[in-house]
């Protein structure tokens, strides 16, 4: 059996809907162990701080009957110069699955290449595939089907946008991205999404007008303006992105029953107002809870293939 990895959301393109449905099924049987995971161990290498990703992965393994080990690079030989290649081969000889939250996407790719066990990208500077499973579980619960719905993202063109535009295209959902031209998303992800969209019938649109981006939207999504590792750009980004704040005025352009999503943590008063976060349209905490069930789905899926 050839091992499977989840480095990019494209790695599960053909099975994405199946994995979303698996997450919803596992959510209904929250404390039930899974024979595929029982007795298995997962290593978690985290170069960046985390709340939802770490807690969801550790809890997922525990509830499924497995064990999780948190690995801080500063406590590992990785922090003293051991290569990613050697670390990968050592850990995959002892563990059944590895998750890696990294600053550099290239290192996640390298870890997966040299690992003999599945590797999950727990966020890097290019993508956040685990978040996609949780997000689309939430959309399925609140809206139902993906095909033909309008997904609007407003804010910084960061790693979340890269994953979101690919996932929307994969699922046949239209996506409209509102960002300043200066902070537009990685063009290679837009190009790839448009190729996929031609096959699924969805549309990928970019604009520097936030009101246009959210016009008649079913979903409005935003993320922090300053990602981890970008602290030196804080003043510049906050100035440039101020017109792209998701607030009560902006959301009037969306459908009345739109849902508001944010992968969290939210910096209220910056990318979104507290009023929107606490509105009846907000599903941010349902979305956060689904990180647990999406982690379970990814683990079960990868260990089953």
Protein backbone atom coordinates (compact mmCIF):
# COMPACT_ATOMS: atom_id res chain seq x y z
CA UNK A 1 0.00 0.00 0.00
CA UNK A 2 1.42 3.40 -1.03
CA UNK A 3 1.29 5.88 1.83
CA UNK A 4 -0.71 9.08 1.38
CA UNK A 5 0.20 12.56 2.64
CA UNK A 6 -1.79 15.75 3.20
CA UNK A 7 0.77 18.40 2.32
CA UNK A 8 -1.49 20.34 -0.05
CA UNK A 9 -5.27 20.30 -0.26
CA UNK A 10 -4.75 19.01 -3.80
CA UNK A 11 -3.42 15.76 -2.30
CA UNK A 12 -7.01 14.87 -1.39
CA UNK A 13 -8.74 16.52 -4.32
CA UNK A 14 -10.52 13.38 -5.51
CA UNK A 15 -11.58 12.33 -2.00
CA UNK A 16 -12.29 15.73 -0.43
CA UNK A 17 -16.07 15.37 -0.21
CA UNK A 18 -15.67 11.86 1.18
CA UNK A 19 -13.34 13.18 3.91
CA UNK A 20 -15.75 16.02 4.78
CA UNK A 21 -18.55 13.46 5.15
CA UNK A 22 -16.27 11.26 7.26
CA UNK A 23 -15.63 14.23 9.55
CA UNK A 24 -19.38 14.80 9.94
CA UNK A 25 -19.87 11.09 10.70
CA UNK A 26 -17.08 11.08 13.30
CA UNK A 27 -18.59 14.18 14.89
CA UNK A 28 -21.81 12.24 15.54
CA UNK A 29 -19.84 9.51 17.35
CA UNK A 30 -17.48 11.82 19.17
CA UNK A 31 -16.03 9.47 21.80
CA UNK A 32 -15.92 6.30 19.75
CA UNK A 33 -12.47 4.84 19.14
CA UNK A 34 -11.49 3.73 15.67
CA UNK A 35 -9.79 0.38 14.94
CA UNK A 36 -7.57 2.00 12.30
CA UNK A 37 -6.10 4.37 14.90
CA UNK A 38 -6.14 2.29 18.08
CA UNK A 39 -2.61 1.76 19.39
CA UNK A 40 -1.09 4.11 16.81
CA UNK A 41 1.17 7.07 17.63
CA UNK A 42 1.39 10.50 16.02
CA UNK A 43 4.31 12.91 16.30
CA UNK A 44 3.52 16.63 16.14
CA UNK A 45 6.36 18.96 15.13
CA UNK A 46 5.32 22.57 15.79
CA UNK A 47 7.60 25.46 14.80
CA UNK A 48 4.74 27.94 15.23
CA UNK A 49 2.46 28.51 18.21
CA UNK A 50 -1.00 26.99 18.11
CA UNK A 51 -4.27 26.62 19.99
CA UNK A 52 -6.81 24.96 17.70
CA UNK A 53 -4.42 22.83 15.64
CA UNK A 54 -2.50 21.40 18.57
CA UNK A 55 -5.51 20.75 20.80
CA UNK A 56 -7.60 19.28 17.98
CA UNK A 57 -4.87 16.89 16.82
CA UNK A 58 -3.97 15.69 20.30
CA UNK A 59 -7.60 15.25 21.31
CA UNK A 60 -8.44 13.56 18.02
CA UNK A 61 -5.76 10.90 18.51
CA UNK A 62 -6.81 10.33 22.13
CA UNK A 63 -10.52 9.98 21.33
CA UNK A 64 -9.78 7.67 18.41
CA UNK A 65 -7.70 5.41 20.66
CA UNK A 66 -4.22 6.53 19.67
CA UNK A 67 -1.46 8.61 21.22
CA UNK A 68 0.02 12.00 20.28
CA UNK A 69 3.49 13.35 21.09
CA UNK A 70 4.10 17.10 20.95
CA UNK A 71 7.55 17.84 19.54
CA UNK A 72 9.01 21.32 19.91
CA UNK A 73 11.95 21.74 17.49
CA UNK A 74 13.96 23.53 20.20
CA UNK A 75 13.74 20.35 22.28
CA UNK A 76 14.68 18.12 19.33
CA UNK A 77 17.94 17.58 17.49
CA UNK A 78 16.29 19.48 14.64
CA UNK A 79 16.88 22.56 16.74
CA UNK A 80 20.60 21.72 16.87
CA UNK A 81 21.09 21.20 13.16
CA UNK A 82 19.76 17.72 12.35
CA UNK A 83 18.35 17.82 8.83
CA UNK A 84 14.68 17.52 8.01
CA UNK A 85 15.54 14.45 5.91
CA UNK A 86 17.20 12.64 8.83
CA UNK A 87 14.51 13.71 11.29
CA UNK A 88 11.86 12.36 8.92
CA UNK A 89 13.52 8.97 8.56
CA UNK A 90 14.11 8.63 12.30
CA UNK A 91 10.58 9.60 13.32
CA UNK A 92 8.84 7.52 10.67
CA UNK A 93 10.65 4.46 12.01
CA UNK A 94 8.96 5.00 15.39
CA UNK A 95 5.65 6.69 14.61
CA UNK A 96 2.60 5.88 12.49
CA UNK A 97 1.81 9.41 11.33
CA UNK A 98 3.52 12.81 11.57
CA UNK A 99 2.08 16.33 11.58
CA UNK A 100 4.26 19.34 10.90
CA UNK A 101 3.48 23.05 11.45
CA UNK A 102 6.29 24.87 9.71
CA UNK A 103 7.47 28.28 8.63
CA UNK A 104 8.68 26.93 5.28
CA UNK A 105 6.48 24.87 2.95
CA UNK A 106 9.60 23.35 1.36
CA UNK A 107 10.44 21.66 4.67
CA UNK A 108 6.98 20.06 4.87
CA UNK A 109 7.44 18.73 1.34
CA UNK A 110 10.87 17.39 2.29
CA UNK A 111 9.60 15.74 5.47
CA UNK A 112 6.86 13.98 3.52
CA UNK A 113 9.29 12.88 0.80
CA UNK A 114 11.61 11.11 3.24
CA UNK A 115 8.92 9.77 5.58
CA UNK A 116 7.65 6.21 5.27
CA UNK A 117 4.45 7.14 7.17
CA UNK A 118 1.74 9.71 6.30
CA UNK A 119 2.55 13.38 6.88
CA UNK A 120 -0.05 16.07 7.57
CA UNK A 121 0.67 19.72 6.89
CA UNK A 122 -0.57 21.46 10.05
CA UNK A 123 -0.01 24.90 8.42
CA UNK A 124 2.92 26.46 6.63
CA UNK A 125 3.59 29.66 4.72
CA UNK A 126 1.78 28.33 1.61
CA UNK A 127 -1.25 26.32 2.76
CA UNK A 128 -3.45 25.15 5.64
CA UNK A 129 -5.21 22.02 4.31
CA UNK A 130 -6.54 20.80 7.68
CA UNK A 131 -8.47 24.03 8.06
CA UNK A 132 -10.18 23.39 4.72
CA UNK A 133 -11.78 20.17 5.94
CA UNK A 134 -13.16 21.94 9.02
CA UNK A 135 -14.36 24.92 7.01
CA UNK A 136 -16.22 22.87 4.43
CA UNK A 137 -17.70 20.64 7.13
CA UNK A 138 -19.14 23.84 8.61
CA UNK A 139 -20.46 25.01 5.24
CA UNK A 140 -22.06 21.59 4.69
CA UNK A 141 -23.77 21.83 8.09
CA UNK A 142 -25.02 25.38 7.63
CA UNK A 143 -25.68 25.68 3.89
CA UNK A 144 -25.64 22.18 2.44
CA UNK A 145 -24.20 21.76 -1.04
CA UNK A 146 -21.09 23.55 -2.30
CA UNK A 147 -21.83 23.72 -6.02
CA UNK A 148 -22.84 27.15 -7.26
CA UNK A 149 -22.62 28.93 -3.90
CA UNK A 150 -20.63 32.17 -3.62
CA UNK A 151 -17.68 32.23 -1.22
CA UNK A 152 -16.15 35.65 -0.54
CA UNK A 153 -12.80 36.23 1.09
CA UNK A 154 -11.80 39.73 2.18
CA UNK A 155 -8.42 40.70 3.61
CA UNK A 156 -4.79 39.70 3.20
CA UNK A 157 -3.88 37.36 0.33
CA UNK A 158 -2.15 34.85 2.58
CA UNK A 159 -1.76 31.07 2.92
CA UNK A 160 -5.43 30.69 3.83
CA UNK A 161 -6.47 32.22 0.51
CA UNK A 162 -4.17 29.79 -1.33
CA UNK A 163 -5.96 26.82 0.22
CA UNK A 164 -9.43 28.37 0.00
CA UNK A 165 -9.24 29.20 -3.69
CA UNK A 166 -8.13 25.65 -4.53
CA UNK A 167 -10.82 24.09 -2.35
CA UNK A 168 -13.61 26.27 -3.74
CA UNK A 169 -12.57 25.37 -7.27
CA UNK A 170 -12.38 21.66 -6.36
CA UNK A 171 -15.90 21.67 -4.94
CA UNK A 172 -17.54 23.76 -7.66
CA UNK A 173 -18.01 26.79 -5.42
CA UNK A 174 -17.55 30.29 -6.85
CA UNK A 175 -14.99 32.39 -5.01
CA UNK A 176 -14.49 36.14 -5.05
CA UNK A 177 -11.33 37.43 -3.37
CA UNK A 178 -11.14 41.04 -2.22
CA UNK A 179 -7.60 42.20 -1.44
CA UNK A 180 -5.49 45.29 -2.10
CA UNK A 181 -3.39 44.74 -5.22
CA UNK A 182 -0.30 45.14 -3.06
CA UNK A 183 -1.36 42.17 -0.91
CA UNK A 184 -2.90 39.97 -3.60
CA UNK A 185 -2.68 36.18 -3.30
CA UNK A 186 0.05 34.02 -4.85
CA UNK A 187 -0.73 34.04 -8.58
CA UNK A 188 0.32 30.40 -9.03
CA UNK A 189 -2.53 29.28 -6.75
CA UNK A 190 -5.00 31.48 -8.63
CA UNK A 191 -3.85 30.00 -11.94
CA UNK A 192 -4.15 26.44 -10.65
CA UNK A 193 -7.59 27.14 -9.19
CA UNK A 194 -8.79 28.53 -12.52
CA UNK A 195 -7.65 25.37 -14.30
CA UNK A 196 -9.64 23.27 -11.83
CA UNK A 197 -12.62 25.64 -12.02
CA UNK A 198 -12.90 25.01 -15.76
CA UNK A 199 -13.53 21.34 -14.95
CA UNK A 200 -15.96 21.90 -12.07
CA UNK A 201 -17.88 24.88 -13.47
CA UNK A 202 -16.94 27.32 -10.72
CA UNK A 203 -15.63 30.88 -11.04
CA UNK A 204 -12.55 32.51 -9.53
CA UNK A 205 -12.64 36.32 -9.30
CA UNK A 206 -10.21 38.86 -7.84
CA UNK A 207 -10.99 42.47 -7.00
CA UNK A 208 -9.58 45.32 -4.95
CA UNK A 209 -13.13 46.44 -4.10
CA UNK A 210 -14.32 44.72 -0.88
CA UNK A 211 -18.00 45.55 -1.48
CA UNK A 212 -17.80 43.96 -4.92
CA UNK A 213 -16.14 40.87 -3.42
CA UNK A 214 -18.99 40.22 -1.00
CA UNK A 215 -21.87 41.13 -3.31
CA UNK A 216 -24.61 38.46 -2.92
CA UNK A 217 -22.22 36.21 -1.00
CA UNK A 218 -23.37 33.05 0.79
CA UNK A 219 -20.18 33.00 2.87
CA UNK A 220 -17.88 35.81 3.98
CA UNK A 221 -14.45 34.77 5.26
CA UNK A 222 -11.52 36.72 6.63
CA UNK A 223 -8.24 36.07 8.41
CA UNK A 224 -5.67 38.01 10.40
CA UNK A 225 -3.88 40.74 8.51
CA UNK A 226 -0.47 39.91 9.96
CA UNK A 227 0.46 36.23 9.84
CA UNK A 228 3.03 34.59 12.12
CA UNK A 229 6.50 35.67 11.00
CA UNK A 230 5.27 38.93 9.43
CA UNK A 231 5.35 41.12 12.53
CA UNK A 232 7.72 43.64 10.90
CA UNK A 233 5.01 44.39 8.31
CA UNK A 234 2.31 45.07 10.91
CA UNK A 235 2.06 48.85 10.53
CA UNK A 236 2.08 48.72 6.73
CA UNK A 237 -0.47 45.91 6.49
CA UNK A 238 -2.87 47.42 9.00
CA UNK A 239 -2.81 50.68 7.04
CA UNK A 240 -3.27 49.02 3.64
CA UNK A 241 -5.97 46.60 4.77
CA UNK A 242 -8.10 48.97 6.86
CA UNK A 243 -10.66 49.45 4.02
CA UNK A 244 -11.03 45.65 3.88
CA UNK A 245 -12.36 45.23 7.42
CA UNK A 246 -15.42 42.99 7.64
CA UNK A 247 -17.95 45.18 9.43
CA UNK A 248 -21.70 45.73 9.59
CA UNK A 249 -21.61 48.06 6.60
CA UNK A 250 -19.67 45.67 4.35
CA UNK A 251 -21.82 42.61 5.09
CA UNK A 252 -24.97 44.45 3.94
CA UNK A 253 -23.79 43.61 0.43
CA UNK A 254 -24.05 39.85 1.09
CA UNK A 255 -27.17 37.72 1.22
CA UNK A 256 -29.19 38.27 4.39
CA UNK A 257 -28.57 34.68 5.53
CA UNK A 258 -24.84 34.73 4.76
CA UNK A 259 -22.52 32.98 7.20
CA UNK A 260 -19.39 34.63 8.58
CA UNK A 261 -16.26 32.49 8.94
CA UNK A 262 -12.78 33.07 10.39
CA UNK A 263 -10.12 30.45 11.06
CA UNK A 264 -9.19 32.29 14.30
CA UNK A 265 -7.63 33.81 16.29
CA UNK A 266 -9.60 36.95 15.44
CA UNK A 267 -8.22 40.40 16.13
CA UNK A 268 -11.50 42.20 16.70
CA UNK A 269 -11.38 45.79 15.58
CA UNK A 270 -8.87 45.00 12.84
CA UNK A 271 -9.88 42.48 10.16
CA UNK A 272 -13.38 42.10 11.65
CA UNK A 273 -15.56 43.92 14.15
CA UNK A 274 -16.89 42.35 17.31
CA UNK A 275 -20.41 43.07 16.06
CA UNK A 276 -19.92 40.74 13.08
CA UNK A 277 -18.12 38.09 15.14
CA UNK A 278 -20.98 37.96 17.63
CA UNK A 279 -23.80 38.22 15.10
CA UNK A 280 -26.31 35.45 14.36
CA UNK A 281 -24.56 34.99 11.01
CA UNK A 282 -21.27 34.07 12.66
CA UNK A 283 -20.29 30.38 12.77
CA UNK A 284 -16.70 30.87 13.91
CA UNK A 285 -16.95 28.71 17.03
CA UNK A 286 -18.78 25.89 15.23
CA UNK A 287 -15.99 26.14 12.67
CA UNK A 288 -13.38 25.97 15.46
CA UNK A 289 -15.00 22.90 17.02
CA UNK A 290 -14.97 21.21 13.65
CA UNK A 291 -11.19 21.36 13.72
CA UNK A 292 -11.38 18.38 16.09
CA UNK A 293 -13.57 16.33 13.78
CA UNK A 294 -11.65 17.33 10.66
CA UNK A 295 -8.42 16.20 12.34
CA UNK A 296 -10.04 12.85 13.05
CA UNK A 297 -11.18 12.54 9.45
CA UNK A 298 -7.71 13.30 8.08
CA UNK A 299 -6.03 10.84 10.46
CA UNK A 300 -8.47 8.01 9.77
CA UNK A 301 -8.35 8.64 6.03
CA UNK A 302 -4.56 8.65 5.80
CA UNK A 303 -4.07 5.62 8.05
CA UNK A 304 -6.69 3.72 6.02
CA UNK A 305 -4.98 4.23 2.66
